[in-house]
Amino acid sequence: QVQLVESGGGLVQAGGSLRLSCAASGRTFRSYAMTWCRQAPGKERELVAAISSTGGSRNYADSVKGRFTISRDNAKNTVYLEMNSLKPEDTAAYYCNTLYRSTRYWGPGTQVTVSS
């Protein structure tokens, strides 16, 4: 079983930055890829960024390319999402998640609000 807990959300002005963290339980963190998703009110959950188990491969949604950076520290069982040049449309609840042994695990989420 995997437990995920996000942190680092908050209120920021447009153009500002935030760094989200997702701490994972267990000693197998380094064996699975990690993903950040977000969901804005009234919208479907969307993939924001993904990173492979080693960190060697990263993918981003077109809407965040060049502004967001996903990274991970396997020694700390943590994945990060560095968010720069934030826009009001980035306002959403952000969730980390992973697929491990055919089960998808989600954290409770952290709210990011970007004011104009």
PDB file of N, CA and C in Angstrom:
ATOM      1  N   GLN A   1       0.841  -1.185   0.000  1.00  0.00           N
ATOM      2  CA  GLN A   1       0.000   0.000   0.000  1.00  0.00           C
ATOM      3  C   GLN A   1       0.883   1.244   0.000  1.00  0.00           C
ATOM      4  N   VAL A   2       0.367   2.292  -0.622  1.00  0.00           N
ATOM      5  CA  VAL A   2       1.106   3.553  -0.725  1.00  0.00           C
ATOM      6  C   VAL A   2       0.253   4.665  -0.131  1.00  0.00           C
ATOM      7  N   GLN A   3       0.871   5.479   0.694  1.00  0.00           N
ATOM      8  CA  GLN A   3       0.190   6.658   1.220  1.00  0.00           C
ATOM      9  C   GLN A   3       0.906   7.898   0.714  1.00  0.00           C
ATOM     10  N   LEU A   4       0.115   8.854   0.223  1.00  0.00           N
ATOM     11  CA  LEU A   4       0.656  10.081  -0.354  1.00  0.00           C
ATOM     12  C   LEU A   4       0.067  11.280   0.366  1.00  0.00           C
ATOM     13  N   VAL A   5       0.906  12.262   0.654  1.00  0.00           N
ATOM     14  CA  VAL A   5       0.437  13.485   1.302  1.00  0.00           C
ATOM     15  C   VAL A   5       1.071  14.686   0.627  1.00  0.00           C
ATOM     16  N   GLU A   6       0.222  15.556   0.082  1.00  0.00           N
ATOM     17  CA  GLU A   6       0.706  16.765  -0.579  1.00  0.00           C
ATOM     18  C   GLU A   6       0.803  17.921   0.411  1.00  0.00           C
ATOM     19  N   SER A   7       1.665  18.869   0.084  1.00  0.00           N
ATOM     20  CA  SER A   7       1.781  20.096   0.870  1.00  0.00           C
ATOM     21  C   SER A   7       2.340  21.199  -0.027  1.00  0.00           C
ATOM     22  N   GLY A   8       2.256  22.431   0.463  1.00  0.00           N
ATOM     23  CA  GLY A   8       2.851  23.548  -0.263  1.00  0.00           C
ATOM     24  C   GLY A   8       1.884  24.436  -1.007  1.00  0.00           C
ATOM     25  N   GLY A   9       0.606  24.080  -1.018  1.00  0.00           N
ATOM     26  CA  GLY A   9      -0.366  24.921  -1.697  1.00  0.00           C
ATOM     27  C   GLY A   9      -0.598  26.226  -0.945  1.00  0.00           C
ATOM     28  N   GLY A  10      -1.344  27.122  -1.585  1.00  0.00           N
ATOM     29  CA  GLY A  10      -1.645  28.393  -0.935  1.00  0.00           C
ATOM     30  C   GLY A  10      -2.182  29.402  -1.921  1.00  0.00           C
ATOM     31  N   LEU A  11      -2.240  30.644  -1.462  1.00  0.00           N
ATOM     32  CA  LEU A  11      -2.728  31.760  -2.268  1.00  0.00           C
ATOM     33  C   LEU A  11      -1.532  32.565  -2.764  1.00  0.00           C
ATOM     34  N   VAL A  12      -1.498  32.822  -4.058  1.00  0.00           N
ATOM     35  CA  VAL A  12      -0.390  33.555  -4.649  1.00  0.00           C
ATOM     36  C   VAL A  12      -0.920  34.463  -5.746  1.00  0.00           C
ATOM     37  N   GLN A  13      -0.252  35.569  -5.961  1.00  0.00           N
ATOM     38  CA  GLN A  13      -0.652  36.471  -7.034  1.00  0.00           C
ATOM     39  C   GLN A  13      -0.171  35.945  -8.382  1.00  0.00           C
ATOM     40  N   ALA A  14      -0.857  36.342  -9.415  1.00  0.00           N
ATOM     41  CA  ALA A  14      -0.456  35.962 -10.770  1.00  0.00           C
ATOM     42  C   ALA A  14       0.993  36.385 -11.011  1.00  0.00           C
ATOM     43  N   GLY A  15       1.742  35.489 -11.634  1.00  0.00           N
ATOM     44  CA  GLY A  15       3.154  35.722 -11.857  1.00  0.00           C
ATOM     45  C   GLY A  15       4.048  35.169 -10.772  1.00  0.00           C
ATOM     46  N   GLY A  16       3.440  34.759  -9.674  1.00  0.00           N
ATOM     47  CA  GLY A  16       4.206  34.235  -8.555  1.00  0.00           C
ATOM     48  C   GLY A  16       4.557  32.765  -8.716  1.00  0.00           C
ATOM     49  N   SER A  17       5.143  32.221  -7.662  1.00  0.00           N
ATOM     50  CA  SER A  17       5.621  30.836  -7.690  1.00  0.00           C
ATOM     51  C   SER A  17       5.203  30.086  -6.436  1.00  0.00           C
ATOM     52  N   LEU A  18       5.078  28.791  -6.588  1.00  0.00           N
ATOM     53  CA  LEU A  18       4.837  27.889  -5.466  1.00  0.00           C
ATOM     54  C   LEU A  18       5.582  26.586  -5.741  1.00  0.00           C
ATOM     55  N   ARG A  19       5.931  25.903  -4.660  1.00  0.00           N
ATOM     56  CA  ARG A  19       6.542  24.585  -4.786  1.00  0.00           C
ATOM     57  C   ARG A  19       5.715  23.592  -3.997  1.00  0.00           C
ATOM     58  N   LEU A  20       5.139  22.645  -4.697  1.00  0.00           N
ATOM     59  CA  LEU A  20       4.360  21.599  -4.054  1.00  0.00           C
ATOM     60  C   LEU A  20       5.251  20.397  -3.769  1.00  0.00           C
ATOM     61  N   SER A  21       4.948  19.737  -2.675  1.00  0.00           N
ATOM     62  CA  SER A  21       5.656  18.507  -2.313  1.00  0.00           C
ATOM     63  C   SER A  21       4.637  17.395  -2.114  1.00  0.00           C
ATOM     64  N   CYS A  22       5.077  16.188  -2.394  1.00  0.00           N
ATOM     65  CA  CYS A  22       4.247  15.009  -2.151  1.00  0.00           C
ATOM     66  C   CYS A  22       5.131  13.963  -1.492  1.00  0.00           C
ATOM     67  N   ALA A  23       4.841  13.678  -0.243  1.00  0.00           N
ATOM     68  CA  ALA A  23       5.609  12.683   0.499  1.00  0.00           C
ATOM     69  C   ALA A  23       4.919  11.330   0.410  1.00  0.00           C
ATOM     70  N   ALA A  24       5.690  10.299   0.106  1.00  0.00           N
ATOM     71  CA  ALA A  24       5.142   8.950  -0.047  1.00  0.00           C
ATOM     72  C   ALA A  24       5.658   8.041   1.049  1.00  0.00           C
ATOM     73  N   SER A  25       4.815   7.115   1.451  1.00  0.00           N
ATOM     74  CA  SER A  25       5.226   6.133   2.449  1.00  0.00           C
ATOM     75  C   SER A  25       5.873   4.941   1.772  1.00  0.00           C
ATOM     76  N   GLY A  26       6.550   4.127   2.553  1.00  0.00           N
ATOM     77  CA  GLY A  26       7.071   2.873   2.043  1.00  0.00           C
ATOM     78  C   GLY A  26       8.474   2.956   1.483  1.00  0.00           C
ATOM     79  N   ARG A  27       9.063   1.779   1.306  1.00  0.00           N
ATOM     80  CA  ARG A  27      10.437   1.705   0.831  1.00  0.00           C
ATOM     81  C   ARG A  27      10.525   1.413  -0.652  1.00  0.00           C
ATOM     82  N   THR A  28       9.369   1.407  -1.337  1.00  0.00           N
ATOM     83  CA  THR A  28       9.370   1.092  -2.764  1.00  0.00           C
ATOM     84  C   THR A  28       9.163   2.317  -3.631  1.00  0.00           C
ATOM     85  N   PHE A  29       9.253   3.498  -3.047  1.00  0.00           N
ATOM     86  CA  PHE A  29       8.989   4.731  -3.789  1.00  0.00           C
ATOM     87  C   PHE A  29       9.808   4.802  -5.067  1.00  0.00           C
ATOM     88  N   ARG A  30      11.056   4.374  -4.999  1.00  0.00           N
ATOM     89  CA  ARG A  30      11.926   4.523  -6.145  1.00  0.00           C
ATOM     90  C   ARG A  30      11.555   3.591  -7.299  1.00  0.00           C
ATOM     91  N   SER A  31      10.584   2.727  -7.093  1.00  0.00           N
ATOM     92  CA  SER A  31      10.227   1.754  -8.123  1.00  0.00           C
ATOM     93  C   SER A  31       9.040   2.183  -8.981  1.00  0.00           C
ATOM     94  N   TYR A  32       8.403   3.300  -8.679  1.00  0.00           N
ATOM     95  CA  TYR A  32       7.234   3.668  -9.470  1.00  0.00           C
ATOM     96  C   TYR A  32       7.251   5.133  -9.906  1.00  0.00           C
ATOM     97  N   ALA A  33       6.624   5.347 -11.063  1.00  0.00           N
ATOM     98  CA  ALA A  33       6.474   6.698 -11.595  1.00  0.00           C
ATOM     99  C   ALA A  33       5.481   7.481 -10.752  1.00  0.00           C
ATOM    100  N   MET A  34       5.583   8.786 -10.827  1.00  0.00           N
ATOM    101  CA  MET A  34       4.686   9.654 -10.065  1.00  0.00           C
ATOM    102  C   MET A  34       4.067  10.690 -10.994  1.00  0.00           C
ATOM    103  N   THR A  35       2.872  11.115 -10.632  1.00  0.00           N
ATOM    104  CA  THR A  35       2.130  12.050 -11.466  1.00  0.00           C
ATOM    105  C   THR A  35       1.510  13.140 -10.599  1.00  0.00           C
ATOM    106  N   TRP A  36       1.476  14.328 -11.133  1.00  0.00           N
ATOM    107  CA  TRP A  36       0.691  15.419 -10.533  1.00  0.00           C
ATOM    108  C   TRP A  36      -0.518  15.681 -11.442  1.00  0.00           C
ATOM    109  N   CYS A  37      -1.690  15.768 -10.826  1.00  0.00           N
ATOM    110  CA  CYS A  37      -2.912  16.126 -11.528  1.00  0.00           C
ATOM    111  C   CYS A  37      -3.547  17.312 -10.807  1.00  0.00           C
ATOM    112  N   ARG A  38      -4.492  17.950 -11.458  1.00  0.00           N
ATOM    113  CA  ARG A  38      -5.209  19.039 -10.809  1.00  0.00           C
ATOM    114  C   ARG A  38      -6.668  19.010 -11.240  1.00  0.00           C
ATOM    115  N   GLN A  39      -7.496  19.596 -10.386  1.00  0.00           N
ATOM    116  CA  GLN A  39      -8.916  19.688 -10.696  1.00  0.00           C
ATOM    117  C   GLN A  39      -9.436  21.028 -10.237  1.00  0.00           C
ATOM    118  N   ALA A  40      -9.943  21.789 -11.189  1.00  0.00           N
ATOM    119  CA  ALA A  40     -10.554  23.076 -10.884  1.00  0.00           C
ATOM    120  C   ALA A  40     -12.055  22.872 -10.696  1.00  0.00           C
ATOM    121  N   PRO A  41     -12.719  23.761  -9.965  1.00  0.00           N
ATOM    122  CA  PRO A  41     -14.161  23.624  -9.743  1.00  0.00           C
ATOM    123  C   PRO A  41     -14.921  23.537 -11.061  1.00  0.00           C
ATOM    124  N   GLY A  42     -15.770  22.525 -11.162  1.00  0.00           N
ATOM    125  CA  GLY A  42     -16.591  22.370 -12.348  1.00  0.00           C
ATOM    126  C   GLY A  42     -15.877  21.783 -13.550  1.00  0.00           C
ATOM    127  N   LYS A  43     -14.622  21.387 -13.361  1.00  0.00           N
ATOM    128  CA  LYS A  43     -13.852  20.824 -14.471  1.00  0.00           C
ATOM    129  C   LYS A  43     -13.367  19.418 -14.124  1.00  0.00           C
ATOM    130  N   GLU A  44     -13.013  18.689 -15.164  1.00  0.00           N
ATOM    131  CA  GLU A  44     -12.490  17.347 -14.951  1.00  0.00           C
ATOM    132  C   GLU A  44     -11.043  17.413 -14.456  1.00  0.00           C
ATOM    133  N   ARG A  45     -10.639  16.350 -13.758  1.00  0.00           N
ATOM    134  CA  ARG A  45      -9.263  16.270 -13.308  1.00  0.00           C
ATOM    135  C   ARG A  45      -8.360  16.102 -14.527  1.00  0.00           C
ATOM    136  N   GLU A  46      -7.238  16.813 -14.530  1.00  0.00           N
ATOM    137  CA  GLU A  46      -6.343  16.750 -15.679  1.00  0.00           C
ATOM    138  C   GLU A  46      -4.917  16.474 -15.233  1.00  0.00           C
ATOM    139  N   LEU A  47      -4.187  15.795 -16.100  1.00  0.00           N
ATOM    140  CA  LEU A  47      -2.790  15.509 -15.847  1.00  0.00           C
ATOM    141  C   LEU A  47      -1.970  16.779 -16.035  1.00  0.00           C
ATOM    142  N   VAL A  48      -1.094  17.054 -15.081  1.00  0.00           N
ATOM    143  CA  VAL A  48      -0.228  18.228 -15.163  1.00  0.00           C
ATOM    144  C   VAL A  48       1.190  17.827 -15.535  1.00  0.00           C
ATOM    145  N   ALA A  49       1.729  16.844 -14.823  1.00  0.00           N
ATOM    146  CA  ALA A  49       3.112  16.436 -15.070  1.00  0.00           C
ATOM    147  C   ALA A  49       3.316  15.022 -14.566  1.00  0.00           C
ATOM    148  N   ALA A  50       4.282  14.334 -15.170  1.00  0.00           N
ATOM    149  CA  ALA A  50       4.609  12.971 -14.760  1.00  0.00           C
ATOM    150  C   ALA A  50       6.118  12.790 -14.793  1.00  0.00           C
ATOM    151  N   ILE A  51       6.595  11.921 -13.925  1.00  0.00           N
ATOM    152  CA  ILE A  51       8.027  11.656 -13.862  1.00  0.00           C
ATOM    153  C   ILE A  51       8.241  10.161 -13.664  1.00  0.00           C
ATOM    154  N   SER A  52       9.244   9.619 -14.348  1.00  0.00           N
ATOM    155  CA  SER A  52       9.528   8.193 -14.240  1.00  0.00           C
ATOM    156  C   SER A  52      10.143   7.868 -12.881  1.00  0.00           C
ATOM    157  N   SER A  53      10.299   6.587 -12.621  1.00  0.00           N
ATOM    158  CA  SER A  53      10.793   6.150 -11.322  1.00  0.00           C
ATOM    159  C   SER A  53      12.200   6.679 -11.009  1.00  0.00           C
ATOM    160  N   THR A  54      13.021   6.818 -12.039  1.00  0.00           N
ATOM    161  CA  THR A  54      14.390   7.312 -11.842  1.00  0.00           C
ATOM    162  C   THR A  54      14.498   8.819 -12.001  1.00  0.00           C
ATOM    163  N   GLY A  55      13.451   9.430 -12.522  1.00  0.00           N
ATOM    164  CA  GLY A  55      13.496  10.865 -12.798  1.00  0.00           C
ATOM    165  C   GLY A  55      14.057  11.190 -14.167  1.00  0.00           C
ATOM    166  N   GLY A  56      14.409  10.172 -14.929  1.00  0.00           N
ATOM    167  CA  GLY A  56      15.037  10.400 -16.227  1.00  0.00           C
ATOM    168  C   GLY A  56      14.066  10.823 -17.318  1.00  0.00           C
ATOM    169  N   SER A  57      12.800  10.598 -17.109  1.00  0.00           N
ATOM    170  CA  SER A  57      11.792  10.960 -18.100  1.00  0.00           C
ATOM    171  C   SER A  57      10.708  11.805 -17.445  1.00  0.00           C
ATOM    172  N   ARG A  58      10.385  12.920 -18.078  1.00  0.00           N
ATOM    173  CA  ARG A  58       9.369  13.824 -17.539  1.00  0.00           C
ATOM    174  C   ARG A  58       8.443  14.262 -18.672  1.00  0.00           C
ATOM    175  N   ASN A  59       7.190  14.417 -18.355  1.00  0.00           N
ATOM    176  CA  ASN A  59       6.214  14.881 -19.335  1.00  0.00           C
ATOM    177  C   ASN A  59       5.317  15.941 -18.698  1.00  0.00           C
ATOM    178  N   TYR A  60       4.851  16.865 -19.541  1.00  0.00           N
ATOM    179  CA  TYR A  60       4.039  17.967 -19.045  1.00  0.00           C
ATOM    180  C   TYR A  60       2.834  18.207 -19.946  1.00  0.00           C
ATOM    181  N   ALA A  61       1.762  18.698 -19.340  1.00  0.00           N
ATOM    182  CA  ALA A  61       0.641  19.184 -20.124  1.00  0.00           C
ATOM    183  C   ALA A  61       1.091  20.434 -20.870  1.00  0.00           C
ATOM    184  N   ASP A  62       0.534  20.635 -22.054  1.00  0.00           N
ATOM    185  CA  ASP A  62       0.910  21.803 -22.855  1.00  0.00           C
ATOM    186  C   ASP A  62       0.685  23.103 -22.094  1.00  0.00           C
ATOM    187  N   SER A  63      -0.333  23.119 -21.255  1.00  0.00           N
ATOM    188  CA  SER A  63      -0.702  24.343 -20.553  1.00  0.00           C
ATOM    189  C   SER A  63       0.324  24.772 -19.512  1.00  0.00           C
ATOM    190  N   VAL A  64       1.223  23.871 -19.118  1.00  0.00           N
ATOM    191  CA  VAL A  64       2.194  24.214 -18.070  1.00  0.00           C
ATOM    192  C   VAL A  64       3.641  24.111 -18.541  1.00  0.00           C
ATOM    193  N   LYS A  65       3.853  23.670 -19.762  1.00  0.00           N
ATOM    194  CA  LYS A  65       5.217  23.528 -20.276  1.00  0.00           C
ATOM    195  C   LYS A  65       5.960  24.857 -20.201  1.00  0.00           C
ATOM    196  N   GLY A  66       7.185  24.785 -19.712  1.00  0.00           N
ATOM    197  CA  GLY A  66       8.002  25.986 -19.597  1.00  0.00           C
ATOM    198  C   GLY A  66       7.769  26.759 -18.314  1.00  0.00           C
ATOM    199  N   ARG A  67       6.717  26.404 -17.572  1.00  0.00           N
ATOM    200  CA  ARG A  67       6.414  27.112 -16.317  1.00  0.00           C
ATOM    201  C   ARG A  67       6.537  26.189 -15.109  1.00  0.00           C
ATOM    202  N   PHE A  68       6.178  24.915 -15.274  1.00  0.00           N
ATOM    203  CA  PHE A  68       6.196  23.951 -14.180  1.00  0.00           C
ATOM    204  C   PHE A  68       7.341  22.954 -14.381  1.00  0.00           C
ATOM    205  N   THR A  69       7.906  22.507 -13.273  1.00  0.00           N
ATOM    206  CA  THR A  69       8.959  21.497 -13.313  1.00  0.00           C
ATOM    207  C   THR A  69       8.670  20.424 -12.271  1.00  0.00           C
ATOM    208  N   ILE A  70       8.620  19.177 -12.718  1.00  0.00           N
ATOM    209  CA  ILE A  70       8.437  18.061 -11.798  1.00  0.00           C
ATOM    210  C   ILE A  70       9.806  17.452 -11.514  1.00  0.00           C
ATOM    211  N   SER A  71      10.012  17.070 -10.260  1.00  0.00           N
ATOM    212  CA  SER A  71      11.272  16.431  -9.885  1.00  0.00           C
ATOM    213  C   SER A  71      10.990  15.481  -8.726  1.00  0.00           C
ATOM    214  N   ARG A  72      11.981  14.685  -8.378  1.00  0.00           N
ATOM    215  CA  ARG A  72      11.795  13.750  -7.273  1.00  0.00           C
ATOM    216  C   ARG A  72      13.113  13.531  -6.568  1.00  0.00           C
ATOM    217  N   ASP A  73      13.007  13.196  -5.296  1.00  0.00           N
ATOM    218  CA  ASP A  73      14.156  12.834  -4.479  1.00  0.00           C
ATOM    219  C   ASP A  73      13.843  11.462  -3.882  1.00  0.00           C
ATOM    220  N   ASN A  74      14.381  10.429  -4.466  1.00  0.00           N
ATOM    221  CA  ASN A  74      14.048   9.080  -4.012  1.00  0.00           C
ATOM    222  C   ASN A  74      14.593   8.783  -2.612  1.00  0.00           C
ATOM    223  N   ALA A  75      15.623   9.488  -2.209  1.00  0.00           N
ATOM    224  CA  ALA A  75      16.147   9.305  -0.859  1.00  0.00           C
ATOM    225  C   ALA A  75      15.180   9.844   0.193  1.00  0.00           C
ATOM    226  N   LYS A  76      14.365  10.813  -0.205  1.00  0.00           N
ATOM    227  CA  LYS A  76      13.399  11.412   0.711  1.00  0.00           C
ATOM    228  C   LYS A  76      11.970  10.960   0.436  1.00  0.00           C
ATOM    229  N   ASN A  77      11.791  10.038  -0.518  1.00  0.00           N
ATOM    230  CA  ASN A  77      10.439   9.566  -0.870  1.00  0.00           C
ATOM    231  C   ASN A  77       9.509  10.732  -1.195  1.00  0.00           C
ATOM    232  N   THR A  78      10.008  11.691  -1.946  1.00  0.00           N
ATOM    233  CA  THR A  78       9.237  12.897  -2.201  1.00  0.00           C
ATOM    234  C   THR A  78       9.317  13.289  -3.679  1.00  0.00           C
ATOM    235  N   VAL A  79       8.179  13.727  -4.187  1.00  0.00           N
ATOM    236  CA  VAL A  79       8.121  14.294  -5.534  1.00  0.00           C
ATOM    237  C   VAL A  79       7.681  15.747  -5.406  1.00  0.00           C
ATOM    238  N   TYR A  80       8.206  16.586  -6.269  1.00  0.00           N
ATOM    239  CA  TYR A  80       7.954  18.018  -6.190  1.00  0.00           C
ATOM    240  C   TYR A  80       7.321  18.524  -7.482  1.00  0.00           C
ATOM    241  N   LEU A  81       6.646  19.652  -7.363  1.00  0.00           N
ATOM    242  CA  LEU A  81       6.159  20.374  -8.532  1.00  0.00           C
ATOM    243  C   LEU A  81       6.468  21.849  -8.309  1.00  0.00           C
ATOM    244  N   GLU A  82       7.466  22.320  -9.023  1.00  0.00           N
ATOM    245  CA  GLU A  82       7.834  23.723  -8.972  1.00  0.00           C
ATOM    246  C   GLU A  82       6.992  24.460  -9.994  1.00  0.00           C
ATOM    247  N   MET A  83       6.244  25.458  -9.527  1.00  0.00           N
ATOM    248  CA  MET A  83       5.312  26.176 -10.390  1.00  0.00           C
ATOM    249  C   MET A  83       5.707  27.648 -10.433  1.00  0.00           C
ATOM    250  N   ASN A  84       6.038  28.120 -11.608  1.00  0.00           N
ATOM    251  CA  ASN A  84       6.432  29.514 -11.808  1.00  0.00           C
ATOM    252  C   ASN A  84       5.474  30.200 -12.778  1.00  0.00           C
ATOM    253  N   SER A  85       5.534  31.518 -12.789  1.00  0.00           N
ATOM    254  CA  SER A  85       4.676  32.316 -13.682  1.00  0.00           C
ATOM    255  C   SER A  85       3.218  31.859 -13.593  1.00  0.00           C
ATOM    256  N   LEU A  86       2.749  31.716 -12.389  1.00  0.00           N
ATOM    257  CA  LEU A  86       1.396  31.197 -12.174  1.00  0.00           C
ATOM    258  C   LEU A  86       0.341  32.129 -12.750  1.00  0.00           C
ATOM    259  N   LYS A  87      -0.732  31.511 -13.248  1.00  0.00           N
ATOM    260  CA  LYS A  87      -1.839  32.237 -13.855  1.00  0.00           C
ATOM    261  C   LYS A  87      -3.115  31.911 -13.079  1.00  0.00           C
ATOM    262  N   PRO A  88      -4.112  32.785 -13.140  1.00  0.00           N
ATOM    263  CA  PRO A  88      -5.388  32.482 -12.467  1.00  0.00           C
ATOM    264  C   PRO A  88      -5.973  31.141 -12.916  1.00  0.00           C
ATOM    265  N   GLU A  89      -5.752  30.760 -14.148  1.00  0.00           N
ATOM    266  CA  GLU A  89      -6.291  29.478 -14.632  1.00  0.00           C
ATOM    267  C   GLU A  89      -5.562  28.272 -14.058  1.00  0.00           C
ATOM    268  N   ASP A  90      -4.483  28.483 -13.319  1.00  0.00           N
ATOM    269  CA  ASP A  90      -3.813  27.386 -12.612  1.00  0.00           C
ATOM    270  C   ASP A  90      -4.503  27.074 -11.281  1.00  0.00           C
ATOM    271  N   THR A  91      -5.464  27.893 -10.900  1.00  0.00           N
ATOM    272  CA  THR A  91      -6.185  27.665  -9.660  1.00  0.00           C
ATOM    273  C   THR A  91      -6.892  26.311  -9.696  1.00  0.00           C
ATOM    274  N   ALA A  92      -6.597  25.480  -8.715  1.00  0.00           N
ATOM    275  CA  ALA A  92      -7.151  24.131  -8.672  1.00  0.00           C
ATOM    276  C   ALA A  92      -6.666  23.433  -7.412  1.00  0.00           C
ATOM    277  N   ALA A  93      -7.269  22.288  -7.142  1.00  0.00           N
ATOM    278  CA  ALA A  93      -6.713  21.375  -6.155  1.00  0.00           C
ATOM    279  C   ALA A  93      -5.714  20.484  -6.880  1.00  0.00           C
ATOM    280  N   TYR A  94      -4.523  20.351  -6.320  1.00  0.00           N
ATOM    281  CA  TYR A  94      -3.457  19.576  -6.949  1.00  0.00           C
ATOM    282  C   TYR A  94      -3.261  18.269  -6.179  1.00  0.00           C
ATOM    283  N   TYR A  95      -3.171  17.186  -6.934  1.00  0.00           N
ATOM    284  CA  TYR A  95      -3.051  15.855  -6.357  1.00  0.00           C
ATOM    285  C   TYR A  95      -1.833  15.129  -6.941  1.00  0.00           C
ATOM    286  N   CYS A  96      -1.096  14.455  -6.080  1.00  0.00           N
ATOM    287  CA  CYS A  96      -0.103  13.529  -6.598  1.00  0.00           C
ATOM    288  C   CYS A  96      -0.718  12.140  -6.603  1.00  0.00           C
ATOM    289  N   ASN A  97      -0.247  11.310  -7.488  1.00  0.00           N
ATOM    290  CA  ASN A  97      -0.779   9.955  -7.554  1.00  0.00           C
ATOM    291  C   ASN A  97       0.219   9.037  -8.232  1.00  0.00           C
ATOM    292  N   THR A  98      -0.008   7.742  -8.040  1.00  0.00           N
ATOM    293  CA  THR A  98       0.839   6.745  -8.657  1.00  0.00           C
ATOM    294  C   THR A  98       0.078   5.456  -8.856  1.00  0.00           C
ATOM    295  N   LEU A  99       0.530   4.680  -9.806  1.00  0.00           N
ATOM    296  CA  LEU A  99      -0.028   3.362 -10.049  1.00  0.00           C
ATOM    297  C   LEU A  99       0.976   2.338  -9.538  1.00  0.00           C
ATOM    298  N   TYR A 100       0.573   1.572  -8.537  1.00  0.00           N
ATOM    299  CA  TYR A 100       1.479   0.616  -7.928  1.00  0.00           C
ATOM    300  C   TYR A 100       0.766  -0.708  -7.774  1.00  0.00           C
ATOM    301  N   ARG A 101       1.321  -1.732  -8.400  1.00  0.00           N
ATOM    302  CA  ARG A 101       0.728  -3.082  -8.359  1.00  0.00           C
ATOM    303  C   ARG A 101      -0.755  -3.025  -8.729  1.00  0.00           C
ATOM    304  N   SER A 102      -1.042  -2.370  -9.846  1.00  0.00           N
ATOM    305  CA  SER A 102      -2.372  -2.311 -10.446  1.00  0.00           C
ATOM    306  C   SER A 102      -3.377  -1.486  -9.650  1.00  0.00           C
ATOM    307  N   THR A 103      -2.933  -0.786  -8.643  1.00  0.00           N
ATOM    308  CA  THR A 103      -3.821   0.073  -7.852  1.00  0.00           C
ATOM    309  C   THR A 103      -3.321   1.513  -7.951  1.00  0.00           C
ATOM    310  N   ARG A 104      -4.262   2.438  -8.214  1.00  0.00           N
ATOM    311  CA  ARG A 104      -3.867   3.851  -8.263  1.00  0.00           C
ATOM    312  C   ARG A 104      -4.123   4.477  -6.901  1.00  0.00           C
ATOM    313  N   TYR A 105      -3.101   5.127  -6.425  1.00  0.00           N
ATOM    314  CA  TYR A 105      -3.167   5.782  -5.120  1.00  0.00           C
ATOM    315  C   TYR A 105      -3.140   7.295  -5.306  1.00  0.00           C
ATOM    316  N   TRP A 106      -3.939   7.980  -4.491  1.00  0.00           N
ATOM    317  CA  TRP A 106      -4.043   9.442  -4.558  1.00  0.00           C
ATOM    318  C   TRP A 106      -3.795  10.031  -3.175  1.00  0.00           C
ATOM    319  N   GLY A 107      -3.211  11.219  -3.168  1.00  0.00           N
ATOM    320  CA  GLY A 107      -3.144  11.973  -1.937  1.00  0.00           C
ATOM    321  C   GLY A 107      -4.430  12.765  -1.760  1.00  0.00           C
ATOM    322  N   PRO A 108      -4.615  13.402  -0.600  1.00  0.00           N
ATOM    323  CA  PRO A 108      -5.834  14.174  -0.340  1.00  0.00           C
ATOM    324  C   PRO A 108      -5.882  15.497  -1.101  1.00  0.00           C
ATOM    325  N   GLY A 109      -4.745  15.950  -1.639  1.00  0.00           N
ATOM    326  CA  GLY A 109      -4.717  17.165  -2.423  1.00  0.00           C
ATOM    327  C   GLY A 109      -4.297  18.390  -1.630  1.00  0.00           C
ATOM    328  N   THR A 110      -3.831  19.396  -2.372  1.00  0.00           N
ATOM    329  CA  THR A 110      -3.497  20.685  -1.781  1.00  0.00           C
ATOM    330  C   THR A 110      -4.014  21.775  -2.721  1.00  0.00           C
ATOM    331  N   GLN A 111      -4.619  22.796  -2.138  1.00  0.00           N
ATOM    332  CA  GLN A 111      -5.277  23.832  -2.928  1.00  0.00           C
ATOM    333  C   GLN A 111      -4.279  24.911  -3.345  1.00  0.00           C
ATOM    334  N   VAL A 112      -4.328  25.258  -4.615  1.00  0.00           N
ATOM    335  CA  VAL A 112      -3.548  26.376  -5.150  1.00  0.00           C
ATOM    336  C   VAL A 112      -4.534  27.399  -5.701  1.00  0.00           C
ATOM    337  N   THR A 113      -4.429  28.627  -5.223  1.00  0.00           N
ATOM    338  CA  THR A 113      -5.296  29.696  -5.687  1.00  0.00           C
ATOM    339  C   THR A 113      -4.426  30.845  -6.189  1.00  0.00           C
ATOM    340  N   VAL A 114      -4.639  31.220  -7.442  1.00  0.00           N
ATOM    341  CA  VAL A 114      -3.856  32.290  -8.043  1.00  0.00           C
ATOM    342  C   VAL A 114      -4.776  33.488  -8.295  1.00  0.00           C
ATOM    343  N   SER A 115      -4.474  34.582  -7.659  1.00  0.00           N
ATOM    344  CA  SER A 115      -5.303  35.784  -7.806  1.00  0.00           C
ATOM    345  C   SER A 115      -4.770  36.656  -8.937  1.00  0.00           C
ATOM    346  N   SER A 116      -5.688  37.339  -9.585  1.00  0.00           N
ATOM    347  CA  SER A 116      -5.295  38.192 -10.719  1.00  0.00           C
ATOM    348  C   SER A 116      -4.985  39.609 -10.269  1.00  0.00           C
TER     349      SER A 116
END
